[in-house]
Amino acid sequence: MSTENIPFQTIDWGKIPKTEHKGETGIAYWQTIEFQGLRIRIVEYSKGYLADHWCKKGHILHCLEGEVTNEQKNGEKSILTKGMSYVVSDDLSEHRSVTKNGVKLMIIDGVFLKLRL
């Protein structure tokens, strides 16, 4: 789906297929909706998930269920639990997700998060 303007619509996430993405350990399951310059995902990380890369992309991330540790390459860590969020612009952090018991997230990213100098 791609359009410059996004008309009002509901999203039934139960009808959006899941794609599988292996981490260094564990698996991520993505349900993805894309518009021009905007991507919205429901992402579930399995128990013991560790991302297989450091991500530089900006995100708005909201924890729907469970707990996730966000590691930054500079050594900083933060923990999100149900109801918590983080936001970061592109290229301002190299980060990755780790979860012990699994987590369900909503992740939004797009051109609006590009770094402005």
PDB file of N, CA and C in Angstrom:
ATOM      1  N   MET A   1       0.843  -1.174   0.000  1.00  0.00           N
ATOM      2  CA  MET A   1       0.000   0.000   0.000  1.00  0.00           C
ATOM      3  C   MET A   1       0.888   1.238   0.000  1.00  0.00           C
ATOM      4  N   SER A   2       0.677   2.139  -0.934  1.00  0.00           N
ATOM      5  CA  SER A   2       1.488   3.345  -0.986  1.00  0.00           C
ATOM      6  C   SER A   2       0.633   4.506  -1.474  1.00  0.00           C
ATOM      7  N   THR A   3       0.645   5.588  -0.720  1.00  0.00           N
ATOM      8  CA  THR A   3      -0.105   6.772  -1.088  1.00  0.00           C
ATOM      9  C   THR A   3       0.530   7.964  -0.394  1.00  0.00           C
ATOM     10  N   GLU A   4       0.406   9.144  -0.972  1.00  0.00           N
ATOM     11  CA  GLU A   4       0.975  10.321  -0.325  1.00  0.00           C
ATOM     12  C   GLU A   4       0.171  10.725   0.889  1.00  0.00           C
ATOM     13  N   ASN A   5      -1.143  10.601   0.801  1.00  0.00           N
ATOM     14  CA  ASN A   5      -2.018  10.884   1.929  1.00  0.00           C
ATOM     15  C   ASN A   5      -2.619   9.569   2.386  1.00  0.00           C
ATOM     16  N   ILE A   6      -2.776   9.425   3.671  1.00  0.00           N
ATOM     17  CA  ILE A   6      -3.305   8.184   4.212  1.00  0.00           C
ATOM     18  C   ILE A   6      -4.755   8.419   4.611  1.00  0.00           C
ATOM     19  N   PRO A   7      -5.699   7.811   3.890  1.00  0.00           N
ATOM     20  CA  PRO A   7      -7.102   7.988   4.252  1.00  0.00           C
ATOM     21  C   PRO A   7      -7.407   7.258   5.552  1.00  0.00           C
ATOM     22  N   PHE A   8      -8.475   7.663   6.217  1.00  0.00           N
ATOM     23  CA  PHE A   8      -8.894   6.979   7.444  1.00  0.00           C
ATOM     24  C   PHE A   8      -9.106   5.506   7.135  1.00  0.00           C
ATOM     25  N   GLN A   9      -8.566   4.674   8.004  1.00  0.00           N
ATOM     26  CA  GLN A   9      -8.754   3.237   7.843  1.00  0.00           C
ATOM     27  C   GLN A   9      -8.459   2.540   9.162  1.00  0.00           C
ATOM     28  N   THR A  10      -9.046   1.399   9.334  1.00  0.00           N
ATOM     29  CA  THR A  10      -8.724   0.576  10.490  1.00  0.00           C
ATOM     30  C   THR A  10      -7.782  -0.527  10.021  1.00  0.00           C
ATOM     31  N   ILE A  11      -7.004  -1.039  10.953  1.00  0.00           N
ATOM     32  CA  ILE A  11      -6.083  -2.126  10.642  1.00  0.00           C
ATOM     33  C   ILE A  11      -6.447  -3.299  11.539  1.00  0.00           C
ATOM     34  N   ASP A  12      -6.819  -4.399  10.948  1.00  0.00           N
ATOM     35  CA  ASP A  12      -7.089  -5.626  11.683  1.00  0.00           C
ATOM     36  C   ASP A  12      -5.797  -6.436  11.657  1.00  0.00           C
ATOM     37  N   TRP A  13      -5.002  -6.318  12.713  1.00  0.00           N
ATOM     38  CA  TRP A  13      -3.689  -6.961  12.749  1.00  0.00           C
ATOM     39  C   TRP A  13      -3.802  -8.477  12.660  1.00  0.00           C
ATOM     40  N   GLY A  14      -4.954  -9.030  13.012  1.00  0.00           N
ATOM     41  CA  GLY A  14      -5.159 -10.469  12.881  1.00  0.00           C
ATOM     42  C   GLY A  14      -5.162 -10.942  11.437  1.00  0.00           C
ATOM     43  N   LYS A  15      -5.352 -10.016  10.501  1.00  0.00           N
ATOM     44  CA  LYS A  15      -5.369 -10.362   9.071  1.00  0.00           C
ATOM     45  C   LYS A  15      -4.048 -10.051   8.371  1.00  0.00           C
ATOM     46  N   ILE A  16      -3.111  -9.452   9.088  1.00  0.00           N
ATOM     47  CA  ILE A  16      -1.816  -9.113   8.497  1.00  0.00           C
ATOM     48  C   ILE A  16      -0.881 -10.307   8.687  1.00  0.00           C
ATOM     49  N   PRO A  17      -0.338 -10.863   7.608  1.00  0.00           N
ATOM     50  CA  PRO A  17       0.529 -12.041   7.753  1.00  0.00           C
ATOM     51  C   PRO A  17       1.811 -11.720   8.518  1.00  0.00           C
ATOM     52  N   LYS A  18       2.317 -12.748   9.204  1.00  0.00           N
ATOM     53  CA  LYS A  18       3.568 -12.619   9.954  1.00  0.00           C
ATOM     54  C   LYS A  18       4.721 -13.107   9.091  1.00  0.00           C
ATOM     55  N   THR A  19       5.823 -12.363   9.163  1.00  0.00           N
ATOM     56  CA  THR A  19       7.051 -12.814   8.531  1.00  0.00           C
ATOM     57  C   THR A  19       8.057 -13.106   9.629  1.00  0.00           C
ATOM     58  N   GLU A  20       8.933 -14.059   9.393  1.00  0.00           N
ATOM     59  CA  GLU A  20       9.887 -14.516  10.392  1.00  0.00           C
ATOM     60  C   GLU A  20      11.274 -13.943  10.107  1.00  0.00           C
ATOM     61  N   HIS A  21      11.918 -13.434  11.165  1.00  0.00           N
ATOM     62  CA  HIS A  21      13.256 -12.849  11.055  1.00  0.00           C
ATOM     63  C   HIS A  21      14.096 -13.403  12.198  1.00  0.00           C
ATOM     64  N   LYS A  22      15.133 -14.160  11.854  1.00  0.00           N
ATOM     65  CA  LYS A  22      15.972 -14.766  12.882  1.00  0.00           C
ATOM     66  C   LYS A  22      16.904 -13.741  13.494  1.00  0.00           C
ATOM     67  N   GLY A  23      17.040 -13.805  14.805  1.00  0.00           N
ATOM     68  CA  GLY A  23      18.000 -12.978  15.517  1.00  0.00           C
ATOM     69  C   GLY A  23      19.293 -13.759  15.691  1.00  0.00           C
ATOM     70  N   GLU A  24      20.238 -13.161  16.419  1.00  0.00           N
ATOM     71  CA  GLU A  24      21.436 -13.917  16.790  1.00  0.00           C
ATOM     72  C   GLU A  24      20.998 -15.148  17.585  1.00  0.00           C
ATOM     73  N   THR A  25      20.030 -14.930  18.467  1.00  0.00           N
ATOM     74  CA  THR A  25      19.300 -16.016  19.114  1.00  0.00           C
ATOM     75  C   THR A  25      17.825 -15.649  19.055  1.00  0.00           C
ATOM     76  N   GLY A  26      16.965 -16.618  18.987  1.00  0.00           N
ATOM     77  CA  GLY A  26      15.528 -16.375  18.953  1.00  0.00           C
ATOM     78  C   GLY A  26      15.037 -15.905  17.595  1.00  0.00           C
ATOM     79  N   ILE A  27      13.749 -15.624  17.553  1.00  0.00           N
ATOM     80  CA  ILE A  27      13.089 -15.243  16.307  1.00  0.00           C
ATOM     81  C   ILE A  27      12.196 -14.030  16.538  1.00  0.00           C
ATOM     82  N   ALA A  28      12.141 -13.155  15.541  1.00  0.00           N
ATOM     83  CA  ALA A  28      11.208 -12.029  15.537  1.00  0.00           C
ATOM     84  C   ALA A  28      10.130 -12.309  14.491  1.00  0.00           C
ATOM     85  N   TYR A  29       8.897 -12.023  14.846  1.00  0.00           N
ATOM     86  CA  TYR A  29       7.771 -12.158  13.929  1.00  0.00           C
ATOM     87  C   TYR A  29       7.214 -10.764  13.677  1.00  0.00           C
ATOM     88  N   TRP A  30       7.194 -10.347  12.420  1.00  0.00           N
ATOM     89  CA  TRP A  30       6.748  -9.007  12.043  1.00  0.00           C
ATOM     90  C   TRP A  30       5.417  -9.084  11.312  1.00  0.00           C
ATOM     91  N   GLN A  31       4.525  -8.172  11.648  1.00  0.00           N
ATOM     92  CA  GLN A  31       3.340  -7.877  10.848  1.00  0.00           C
ATOM     93  C   GLN A  31       3.524  -6.428  10.412  1.00  0.00           C
ATOM     94  N   THR A  32       3.531  -6.194   9.117  1.00  0.00           N
ATOM     95  CA  THR A  32       3.958  -4.895   8.594  1.00  0.00           C
ATOM     96  C   THR A  32       2.925  -4.275   7.671  1.00  0.00           C
ATOM     97  N   ILE A  33       2.684  -2.983   7.892  1.00  0.00           N
ATOM     98  CA  ILE A  33       1.886  -2.149   6.992  1.00  0.00           C
ATOM     99  C   ILE A  33       2.816  -1.033   6.522  1.00  0.00           C
ATOM    100  N   GLU A  34       2.843  -0.766   5.205  1.00  0.00           N
ATOM    101  CA  GLU A  34       3.703   0.297   4.695  1.00  0.00           C
ATOM    102  C   GLU A  34       2.919   1.286   3.850  1.00  0.00           C
ATOM    103  N   PHE A  35       3.247   2.538   4.070  1.00  0.00           N
ATOM    104  CA  PHE A  35       2.744   3.645   3.272  1.00  0.00           C
ATOM    105  C   PHE A  35       3.968   4.401   2.769  1.00  0.00           C
ATOM    106  N   GLN A  36       3.785   5.359   1.894  1.00  0.00           N
ATOM    107  CA  GLN A  36       4.924   6.129   1.413  1.00  0.00           C
ATOM    108  C   GLN A  36       5.572   6.861   2.583  1.00  0.00           C
ATOM    109  N   GLY A  37       6.825   6.501   2.885  1.00  0.00           N
ATOM    110  CA  GLY A  37       7.572   7.171   3.943  1.00  0.00           C
ATOM    111  C   GLY A  37       7.196   6.774   5.358  1.00  0.00           C
ATOM    112  N   LEU A  38       6.386   5.713   5.517  1.00  0.00           N
ATOM    113  CA  LEU A  38       5.915   5.304   6.840  1.00  0.00           C
ATOM    114  C   LEU A  38       5.778   3.783   6.892  1.00  0.00           C
ATOM    115  N   ARG A  39       6.327   3.191   7.956  1.00  0.00           N
ATOM    116  CA  ARG A  39       6.164   1.752   8.183  1.00  0.00           C
ATOM    117  C   ARG A  39       5.658   1.558   9.611  1.00  0.00           C
ATOM    118  N   ILE A  40       4.611   0.740   9.756  1.00  0.00           N
ATOM    119  CA  ILE A  40       4.036   0.418  11.057  1.00  0.00           C
ATOM    120  C   ILE A  40       4.096  -1.096  11.204  1.00  0.00           C
ATOM    121  N   ARG A  41       4.645  -1.543  12.348  1.00  0.00           N
ATOM    122  CA  ARG A  41       4.780  -2.986  12.559  1.00  0.00           C
ATOM    123  C   ARG A  41       4.330  -3.389  13.961  1.00  0.00           C
ATOM    124  N   ILE A  42       3.757  -4.566  14.048  1.00  0.00           N
ATOM    125  CA  ILE A  42       3.629  -5.279  15.317  1.00  0.00           C
ATOM    126  C   ILE A  42       4.735  -6.324  15.255  1.00  0.00           C
ATOM    127  N   VAL A  43       5.620  -6.297  16.251  1.00  0.00           N
ATOM    128  CA  VAL A  43       6.767  -7.199  16.268  1.00  0.00           C
ATOM    129  C   VAL A  43       6.745  -7.988  17.571  1.00  0.00           C
ATOM    130  N   GLU A  44       6.869  -9.286  17.441  1.00  0.00           N
ATOM    131  CA  GLU A  44       6.959 -10.167  18.608  1.00  0.00           C
ATOM    132  C   GLU A  44       8.331 -10.825  18.603  1.00  0.00           C
ATOM    133  N   TYR A  45       9.054 -10.673  19.705  1.00  0.00           N
ATOM    134  CA  TYR A  45      10.332 -11.350  19.873  1.00  0.00           C
ATOM    135  C   TYR A  45      10.102 -12.569  20.753  1.00  0.00           C
ATOM    136  N   SER A  46      10.659 -13.706  20.352  1.00  0.00           N
ATOM    137  CA  SER A  46      10.533 -14.933  21.127  1.00  0.00           C
ATOM    138  C   SER A  46      11.359 -14.857  22.410  1.00  0.00           C
ATOM    139  N   LYS A  47      11.152 -15.797  23.293  1.00  0.00           N
ATOM    140  CA  LYS A  47      11.988 -15.910  24.485  1.00  0.00           C
ATOM    141  C   LYS A  47      13.441 -16.037  24.038  1.00  0.00           C
ATOM    142  N   GLY A  48      14.345 -15.381  24.747  1.00  0.00           N
ATOM    143  CA  GLY A  48      15.763 -15.482  24.441  1.00  0.00           C
ATOM    144  C   GLY A  48      16.202 -14.766  23.177  1.00  0.00           C
ATOM    145  N   TYR A  49      15.405 -13.804  22.708  1.00  0.00           N
ATOM    146  CA  TYR A  49      15.750 -13.097  21.474  1.00  0.00           C
ATOM    147  C   TYR A  49      16.888 -12.107  21.706  1.00  0.00           C
ATOM    148  N   LEU A  50      17.849 -12.094  20.784  1.00  0.00           N
ATOM    149  CA  LEU A  50      18.914 -11.097  20.714  1.00  0.00           C
ATOM    150  C   LEU A  50      19.048 -10.705  19.256  1.00  0.00           C
ATOM    151  N   ALA A  51      18.897  -9.421  18.961  1.00  0.00           N
ATOM    152  CA  ALA A  51      19.004  -8.940  17.585  1.00  0.00           C
ATOM    153  C   ALA A  51      20.366  -9.314  17.002  1.00  0.00           C
ATOM    154  N   ASP A  52      20.389  -9.565  15.716  1.00  0.00           N
ATOM    155  CA  ASP A  52      21.615  -9.980  15.043  1.00  0.00           C
ATOM    156  C   ASP A  52      22.407  -8.809  14.464  1.00  0.00           C
ATOM    157  N   HIS A  53      22.002  -7.581  14.803  1.00  0.00           N
ATOM    158  CA  HIS A  53      22.699  -6.401  14.277  1.00  0.00           C
ATOM    159  C   HIS A  53      22.456  -5.200  15.196  1.00  0.00           C
ATOM    160  N   TRP A  54      23.300  -4.188  15.047  1.00  0.00           N
ATOM    161  CA  TRP A  54      23.098  -2.898  15.701  1.00  0.00           C
ATOM    162  C   TRP A  54      22.347  -2.029  14.710  1.00  0.00           C
ATOM    163  N   CYS A  55      21.231  -1.480  15.119  1.00  0.00           N
ATOM    164  CA  CYS A  55      20.363  -0.699  14.239  1.00  0.00           C
ATOM    165  C   CYS A  55      20.628   0.795  14.429  1.00  0.00           C
ATOM    166  N   LYS A  56      20.746   1.534  13.318  1.00  0.00           N
ATOM    167  CA  LYS A  56      20.926   2.986  13.359  1.00  0.00           C
ATOM    168  C   LYS A  56      19.635   3.722  12.998  1.00  0.00           C
ATOM    169  N   LYS A  57      18.611   2.967  12.615  1.00  0.00           N
ATOM    170  CA  LYS A  57      17.365   3.563  12.158  1.00  0.00           C
ATOM    171  C   LYS A  57      16.591   4.170  13.325  1.00  0.00           C
ATOM    172  N   GLY A  58      15.910   5.246  13.065  1.00  0.00           N
ATOM    173  CA  GLY A  58      15.048   5.862  14.059  1.00  0.00           C
ATOM    174  C   GLY A  58      13.741   5.098  14.181  1.00  0.00           C
ATOM    175  N   HIS A  59      13.165   5.109  15.371  1.00  0.00           N
ATOM    176  CA  HIS A  59      11.909   4.404  15.633  1.00  0.00           C
ATOM    177  C   HIS A  59      11.098   5.138  16.691  1.00  0.00           C
ATOM    178  N   ILE A  60       9.822   4.930  16.642  1.00  0.00           N
ATOM    179  CA  ILE A  60       8.946   5.111  17.798  1.00  0.00           C
ATOM    180  C   ILE A  60       8.553   3.693  18.162  1.00  0.00           C
ATOM    181  N   LEU A  61       8.867   3.289  19.375  1.00  0.00           N
ATOM    182  CA  LEU A  61       8.640   1.919  19.795  1.00  0.00           C
ATOM    183  C   LEU A  61       7.777   1.939  21.052  1.00  0.00           C
ATOM    184  N   HIS A  62       6.727   1.132  21.052  1.00  0.00           N
ATOM    185  CA  HIS A  62       5.825   1.057  22.205  1.00  0.00           C
ATOM    186  C   HIS A  62       5.652  -0.401  22.603  1.00  0.00           C
ATOM    187  N   CYS A  63       5.846  -0.686  23.886  1.00  0.00           N
ATOM    188  CA  CYS A  63       5.747  -2.050  24.408  1.00  0.00           C
ATOM    189  C   CYS A  63       4.284  -2.379  24.716  1.00  0.00           C
ATOM    190  N   LEU A  64       3.764  -3.382  24.035  1.00  0.00           N
ATOM    191  CA  LEU A  64       2.376  -3.811  24.225  1.00  0.00           C
ATOM    192  C   LEU A  64       2.246  -4.899  25.282  1.00  0.00           C
ATOM    193  N   GLU A  65       3.234  -5.795  25.328  1.00  0.00           N
ATOM    194  CA  GLU A  65       3.227  -6.909  26.287  1.00  0.00           C
ATOM    195  C   GLU A  65       4.663  -7.304  26.566  1.00  0.00           C
ATOM    196  N   GLY A  66       4.950  -7.742  27.783  1.00  0.00           N
ATOM    197  CA  GLY A  66       6.264  -8.273  28.114  1.00  0.00           C
ATOM    198  C   GLY A  66       7.272  -7.196  28.464  1.00  0.00           C
ATOM    199  N   GLU A  67       8.539  -7.538  28.268  1.00  0.00           N
ATOM    200  CA  GLU A  67       9.649  -6.646  28.625  1.00  0.00           C
ATOM    201  C   GLU A  67      10.779  -6.814  27.621  1.00  0.00           C
ATOM    202  N   VAL A  68      11.397  -5.692  27.264  1.00  0.00           N
ATOM    203  CA  VAL A  68      12.534  -5.713  26.331  1.00  0.00           C
ATOM    204  C   VAL A  68      13.634  -4.810  26.880  1.00  0.00           C
ATOM    205  N   THR A  69      14.868  -5.262  26.741  1.00  0.00           N
ATOM    206  CA  THR A  69      16.021  -4.439  27.073  1.00  0.00           C
ATOM    207  C   THR A  69      16.565  -3.877  25.775  1.00  0.00           C
ATOM    208  N   ASN A  70      16.754  -2.566  25.764  1.00  0.00           N
ATOM    209  CA  ASN A  70      17.324  -1.888  24.599  1.00  0.00           C
ATOM    210  C   ASN A  70      18.772  -1.573  24.931  1.00  0.00           C
ATOM    211  N   GLU A  71      19.674  -2.231  24.224  1.00  0.00           N
ATOM    212  CA  GLU A  71      21.103  -1.997  24.421  1.00  0.00           C
ATOM    213  C   GLU A  71      21.577  -1.013  23.371  1.00  0.00           C
ATOM    214  N   GLN A  72      22.385  -0.050  23.797  1.00  0.00           N
ATOM    215  CA  GLN A  72      23.022   0.859  22.851  1.00  0.00           C
ATOM    216  C   GLN A  72      24.492   0.480  22.737  1.00  0.00           C
ATOM    217  N   LYS A  73      25.053   0.687  21.567  1.00  0.00           N
ATOM    218  CA  LYS A  73      26.437   0.297  21.323  1.00  0.00           C
ATOM    219  C   LYS A  73      27.399   1.012  22.272  1.00  0.00           C
ATOM    220  N   ASN A  74      27.006   2.191  22.785  1.00  0.00           N
ATOM    221  CA  ASN A  74      27.853   2.935  23.721  1.00  0.00           C
ATOM    222  C   ASN A  74      27.806   2.359  25.141  1.00  0.00           C
ATOM    223  N   GLY A  75      27.054   1.263  25.339  1.00  0.00           N
ATOM    224  CA  GLY A  75      26.993   0.607  26.638  1.00  0.00           C
ATOM    225  C   GLY A  75      25.754   0.927  27.461  1.00  0.00           C
ATOM    226  N   GLU A  76      25.012   1.962  27.087  1.00  0.00           N
ATOM    227  CA  GLU A  76      23.790   2.296  27.821  1.00  0.00           C
ATOM    228  C   GLU A  76      22.714   1.245  27.571  1.00  0.00           C
ATOM    229  N   LYS A  77      21.863   1.030  28.576  1.00  0.00           N
ATOM    230  CA  LYS A  77      20.747   0.095  28.466  1.00  0.00           C
ATOM    231  C   LYS A  77      19.503   0.737  29.053  1.00  0.00           C
ATOM    232  N   SER A  78      18.364   0.387  28.500  1.00  0.00           N
ATOM    233  CA  SER A  78      17.088   0.799  29.072  1.00  0.00           C
ATOM    234  C   SER A  78      16.128  -0.371  28.956  1.00  0.00           C
ATOM    235  N   ILE A  79      15.208  -0.434  29.893  1.00  0.00           N
ATOM    236  CA  ILE A  79      14.219  -1.510  29.895  1.00  0.00           C
ATOM    237  C   ILE A  79      12.845  -0.909  29.680  1.00  0.00           C
ATOM    238  N   LEU A  80      12.099  -1.501  28.756  1.00  0.00           N
ATOM    239  CA  LEU A  80      10.712  -1.108  28.532  1.00  0.00           C
ATOM    240  C   LEU A  80       9.813  -2.243  28.958  1.00  0.00           C
ATOM    241  N   THR A  81       8.753  -1.895  29.668  1.00  0.00           N
ATOM    242  CA  THR A  81       7.711  -2.846  30.031  1.00  0.00           C
ATOM    243  C   THR A  81       6.396  -2.352  29.441  1.00  0.00           C
ATOM    244  N   LYS A  82       5.366  -3.140  29.551  1.00  0.00           N
ATOM    245  CA  LYS A  82       4.054  -2.819  28.991  1.00  0.00           C
ATOM    246  C   LYS A  82       3.667  -1.374  29.296  1.00  0.00           C
ATOM    247  N   GLY A  83       3.303  -0.646  28.243  1.00  0.00           N
ATOM    248  CA  GLY A  83       2.867   0.737  28.391  1.00  0.00           C
ATOM    249  C   GLY A  83       3.969   1.766  28.238  1.00  0.00           C
ATOM    250  N   MET A  84       5.223   1.335  28.124  1.00  0.00           N
ATOM    251  CA  MET A  84       6.348   2.267  27.974  1.00  0.00           C
ATOM    252  C   MET A  84       6.753   2.368  26.501  1.00  0.00           C
ATOM    253  N   SER A  85       7.400   3.490  26.150  1.00  0.00           N
ATOM    254  CA  SER A  85       7.830   3.752  24.774  1.00  0.00           C
ATOM    255  C   SER A  85       9.219   4.365  24.751  1.00  0.00           C
ATOM    256  N   TYR A  86       9.844   4.326  23.580  1.00  0.00           N
ATOM    257  CA  TYR A  86      11.014   5.164  23.331  1.00  0.00           C
ATOM    258  C   TYR A  86      10.912   5.726  21.927  1.00  0.00           C
ATOM    259  N   VAL A  87      11.647   6.807  21.698  1.00  0.00           N
ATOM    260  CA  VAL A  87      11.703   7.434  20.380  1.00  0.00           C
ATOM    261  C   VAL A  87      13.131   7.880  20.133  1.00  0.00           C
ATOM    262  N   VAL A  88      13.605   7.730  18.897  1.00  0.00           N
ATOM    263  CA  VAL A  88      14.943   8.173  18.508  1.00  0.00           C
ATOM    264  C   VAL A  88      14.946   8.436  17.007  1.00  0.00           C
ATOM    265  N   SER A  89      15.682   9.463  16.595  1.00  0.00           N
ATOM    266  CA  SER A  89      15.848   9.770  15.173  1.00  0.00           C
ATOM    267  C   SER A  89      16.896   8.869  14.547  1.00  0.00           C
ATOM    268  N   ASP A  90      16.876   8.764  13.232  1.00  0.00           N
ATOM    269  CA  ASP A  90      17.893   8.013  12.492  1.00  0.00           C
ATOM    270  C   ASP A  90      19.284   8.502  12.877  1.00  0.00           C
ATOM    271  N   ASP A  91      20.222   7.575  12.950  1.00  0.00           N
ATOM    272  CA  ASP A  91      21.649   7.863  13.132  1.00  0.00           C
ATOM    273  C   ASP A  91      22.026   8.516  14.458  1.00  0.00           C
ATOM    274  N   LEU A  92      21.140   8.528  15.449  1.00  0.00           N
ATOM    275  CA  LEU A  92      21.487   9.086  16.756  1.00  0.00           C
ATOM    276  C   LEU A  92      21.802   8.010  17.785  1.00  0.00           C
ATOM    277  N   SER A  93      21.645   6.747  17.401  1.00  0.00           N
ATOM    278  CA  SER A  93      21.906   5.655  18.324  1.00  0.00           C
ATOM    279  C   SER A  93      22.118   4.386  17.518  1.00  0.00           C
ATOM    280  N   GLU A  94      23.073   3.586  17.943  1.00  0.00           N
ATOM    281  CA  GLU A  94      23.171   2.224  17.444  1.00  0.00           C
ATOM    282  C   GLU A  94      22.617   1.364  18.572  1.00  0.00           C
ATOM    283  N   HIS A  95      21.522   0.687  18.314  1.00  0.00           N
ATOM    284  CA  HIS A  95      20.802  -0.017  19.359  1.00  0.00           C
ATOM    285  C   HIS A  95      20.366  -1.396  18.879  1.00  0.00           C
ATOM    286  N   ARG A  96      20.067  -2.261  19.842  1.00  0.00           N
ATOM    287  CA  ARG A  96      19.520  -3.574  19.530  1.00  0.00           C
ATOM    288  C   ARG A  96      18.639  -4.021  20.685  1.00  0.00           C
ATOM    289  N   SER A  97      17.745  -4.954  20.370  1.00  0.00           N
ATOM    290  CA  SER A  97      16.785  -5.440  21.360  1.00  0.00           C
ATOM    291  C   SER A  97      17.189  -6.808  21.874  1.00  0.00           C
ATOM    292  N   VAL A  98      16.929  -7.003  23.170  1.00  0.00           N
ATOM    293  CA  VAL A  98      17.179  -8.273  23.841  1.00  0.00           C
ATOM    294  C   VAL A  98      15.967  -8.549  24.730  1.00  0.00           C
ATOM    295  N   THR A  99      15.477  -9.788  24.717  1.00  0.00           N
ATOM    296  CA  THR A  99      14.403 -10.130  25.627  1.00  0.00           C
ATOM    297  C   THR A  99      14.612 -11.524  26.200  1.00  0.00           C
ATOM    298  N   LYS A 100      14.368 -11.621  27.468  1.00  0.00           N
ATOM    299  CA  LYS A 100      14.529 -12.901  28.164  1.00  0.00           C
ATOM    300  C   LYS A 100      13.291 -13.780  27.980  1.00  0.00           C
ATOM    301  N   ASN A 101      12.120 -13.186  28.169  1.00  0.00           N
ATOM    302  CA  ASN A 101      10.877 -13.961  28.179  1.00  0.00           C
ATOM    303  C   ASN A 101       9.934 -13.662  27.027  1.00  0.00           C
ATOM    304  N   GLY A 102      10.368 -12.868  26.056  1.00  0.00           N
ATOM    305  CA  GLY A 102       9.516 -12.514  24.928  1.00  0.00           C
ATOM    306  C   GLY A 102       8.836 -11.171  25.145  1.00  0.00           C
ATOM    307  N   VAL A 103       8.443 -10.541  24.045  1.00  0.00           N
ATOM    308  CA  VAL A 103       7.832  -9.213  24.106  1.00  0.00           C
ATOM    309  C   VAL A 103       7.023  -8.987  22.828  1.00  0.00           C
ATOM    310  N   LYS A 104       6.024  -8.126  22.933  1.00  0.00           N
ATOM    311  CA  LYS A 104       5.232  -7.704  21.776  1.00  0.00           C
ATOM    312  C   LYS A 104       5.290  -6.183  21.716  1.00  0.00           C
ATOM    313  N   LEU A 105       5.692  -5.648  20.555  1.00  0.00           N
ATOM    314  CA  LEU A 105       5.930  -4.217  20.383  1.00  0.00           C
ATOM    315  C   LEU A 105       5.163  -3.667  19.196  1.00  0.00           C
ATOM    316  N   MET A 106       4.849  -2.384  19.227  1.00  0.00           N
ATOM    317  CA  MET A 106       4.444  -1.661  18.032  1.00  0.00           C
ATOM    318  C   MET A 106       5.613  -0.751  17.690  1.00  0.00           C
ATOM    319  N   ILE A 107       6.079  -0.833  16.445  1.00  0.00           N
ATOM    320  CA  ILE A 107       7.225  -0.050  16.009  1.00  0.00           C
ATOM    321  C   ILE A 107       6.818   0.765  14.791  1.00  0.00           C
ATOM    322  N   ILE A 108       7.056   2.073  14.873  1.00  0.00           N
ATOM    323  CA  ILE A 108       6.726   2.991  13.784  1.00  0.00           C
ATOM    324  C   ILE A 108       8.013   3.674  13.359  1.00  0.00           C
ATOM    325  N   ASP A 109       8.274   3.672  12.066  1.00  0.00           N
ATOM    326  CA  ASP A 109       9.437   4.409  11.565  1.00  0.00           C
ATOM    327  C   ASP A 109       9.107   4.976  10.188  1.00  0.00           C
ATOM    328  N   GLY A 110       9.929   5.931   9.790  1.00  0.00           N
ATOM    329  CA  GLY A 110       9.688   6.549   8.491  1.00  0.00           C
ATOM    330  C   GLY A 110      10.552   7.769   8.291  1.00  0.00           C
ATOM    331  N   VAL A 111      10.311   8.437   7.173  1.00  0.00           N
ATOM    332  CA  VAL A 111      11.139   9.580   6.781  1.00  0.00           C
ATOM    333  C   VAL A 111      11.074  10.721   7.785  1.00  0.00           C
ATOM    334  N   PHE A 112      10.022  10.821   8.547  1.00  0.00           N
ATOM    335  CA  PHE A 112       9.889  11.890   9.545  1.00  0.00           C
ATOM    336  C   PHE A 112      10.926  11.769  10.667  1.00  0.00           C
ATOM    337  N   LEU A 113      11.602  10.635  10.765  1.00  0.00           N
ATOM    338  CA  LEU A 113      12.623  10.436  11.798  1.00  0.00           C
ATOM    339  C   LEU A 113      14.041  10.656  11.269  1.00  0.00           C
ATOM    340  N   LYS A 114      14.169  11.113  10.040  1.00  0.00           N
ATOM    341  CA  LYS A 114      15.512  11.399   9.511  1.00  0.00           C
ATOM    342  C   LYS A 114      16.166  12.516  10.309  1.00  0.00           C
ATOM    343  N   LEU A 115      17.451  12.342  10.556  1.00  0.00           N
ATOM    344  CA  LEU A 115      18.225  13.324  11.312  1.00  0.00           C
ATOM    345  C   LEU A 115      18.275  14.647  10.555  1.00  0.00           C
ATOM    346  N   ARG A 116      17.991  15.720  11.271  1.00  0.00           N
ATOM    347  CA  ARG A 116      18.035  17.064  10.670  1.00  0.00           C
ATOM    348  C   ARG A 116      19.192  17.816  11.313  1.00  0.00           C
ATOM    349  N   LEU A 117      20.097  18.308  10.508  1.00  0.00           N
ATOM    350  CA  LEU A 117      21.252  19.045  11.023  1.00  0.00           C
ATOM    351  C   LEU A 117      21.098  20.530  10.772  1.00  0.00           C
TER     352      LEU A 117
END
